[in-house]
Amino acid sequence: MAQRTKTGGRQIGTPNRVTKELRVALKDALYNELENLGGYLAGLEPRDRLEIIVKLLPYALPKVEQVDYRENEPFGSDL
């Protein structure tokens, strides 16, 4: 298959204007909703509030991995 040279359109590496504008709009909408999040949560039943907080935790806190101790591995003050 013959390769063609680019003759028009955006230059390579030029960001898509529509995509950029959409990202900015979504970021602004999300920021506004985050400011109102406390009020939304206050209006919920305790069970629903806890359920939403648990669902949001992975976005705010890193996941913790289990750490196993193996024989002959330094531990505590042995480091």
Protein backbone atom coordinates (compact mmCIF):
# COMPACT_ATOMS: atom_id res chain seq x y z
CA MET A 1 0.00 0.00 0.00
CA ALA A 2 1.45 3.35 -1.02
CA GLN A 3 1.81 5.98 1.65
CA ARG A 4 0.40 9.39 0.94
CA THR A 5 1.78 12.69 2.12
CA LYS A 6 -0.44 14.84 4.25
CA THR A 7 -1.86 17.72 2.22
CA GLY A 8 -4.28 19.45 4.57
CA GLY A 9 -6.01 19.49 7.92
CA ARG A 10 -4.37 19.85 11.29
CA GLN A 11 -0.64 19.57 11.72
CA ILE A 12 0.57 16.50 13.59
CA GLY A 13 0.40 17.09 17.34
CA THR A 14 -2.17 19.91 17.14
CA PRO A 15 -4.89 19.28 19.74
CA ASN A 16 -8.49 18.95 18.61
CA ARG A 17 -10.29 22.20 19.54
CA VAL A 18 -13.65 20.52 20.20
CA THR A 19 -12.07 17.92 22.50
CA LYS A 20 -10.23 20.64 24.41
CA GLU A 21 -13.41 22.71 24.85
CA LEU A 22 -15.37 19.63 25.97
CA ARG A 23 -12.74 18.75 28.58
CA VAL A 24 -12.80 22.29 29.96
CA ALA A 25 -16.62 22.25 30.15
CA LEU A 26 -16.66 18.88 31.89
CA LYS A 27 -13.95 19.97 34.33
CA ASP A 28 -15.93 23.10 35.23
CA ALA A 29 -19.16 21.13 35.71
CA LEU A 30 -17.39 18.58 37.90
CA TYR A 31 -15.78 21.32 40.00
CA ASN A 32 -19.18 22.94 40.61
CA GLU A 33 -20.71 19.61 41.61
CA LEU A 34 -17.86 18.88 44.01
CA GLU A 35 -18.56 22.19 45.78
CA ASN A 36 -22.19 21.09 46.22
CA LEU A 37 -21.37 17.51 47.24
CA GLY A 38 -21.67 18.19 50.99
CA GLY A 39 -25.19 19.55 50.56
CA TYR A 40 -26.19 16.59 48.41
CA LEU A 41 -24.87 14.12 50.98
CA ALA A 42 -26.57 15.94 53.87
CA GLY A 43 -29.94 15.45 52.18
CA LEU A 44 -29.56 11.66 51.97
CA GLU A 45 -30.46 8.94 54.43
CA PRO A 46 -27.44 7.77 56.46
CA ARG A 47 -27.35 4.40 54.66
CA ASP A 48 -27.36 6.04 51.21
CA ARG A 49 -24.78 8.63 52.31
CA LEU A 50 -22.43 5.88 53.53
CA GLU A 51 -22.90 3.89 50.32
CA ILE A 52 -21.90 6.88 48.17
CA ILE A 53 -18.90 7.71 50.36
CA VAL A 54 -17.67 4.11 50.07
CA LYS A 55 -18.02 4.28 46.28
CA LEU A 56 -16.05 7.56 46.15
CA LEU A 57 -13.20 6.41 48.44
CA PRO A 58 -11.11 4.73 45.69
CA TYR A 59 -10.92 8.09 43.91
CA ALA A 60 -9.63 9.89 47.01
CA LEU A 61 -7.39 7.34 48.73
CA PRO A 62 -4.84 4.95 47.24
CA LYS A 63 -5.55 1.24 47.48
CA VAL A 64 -3.59 -0.59 50.16
CA GLU A 65 -1.89 -3.82 49.20
CA GLN A 66 -1.40 -6.72 51.58
CA VAL A 67 2.19 -7.10 52.74
CA ASP A 68 3.48 -10.55 53.65
CA TYR A 69 6.45 -11.25 55.90
CA ARG A 70 8.85 -13.89 54.61
CA GLU A 71 11.53 -15.79 56.49
CA ASN A 72 14.96 -14.11 56.66
CA GLU A 73 13.45 -10.78 55.63
CA PRO A 74 14.25 -7.73 57.80
CA PHE A 75 11.36 -6.73 60.05
CA GLY A 76 10.76 -3.63 62.19
CA SER A 77 13.99 -2.50 63.87
CA ASP A 78 16.04 -5.10 61.91
CA LEU A 79 16.11 -2.77 58.89
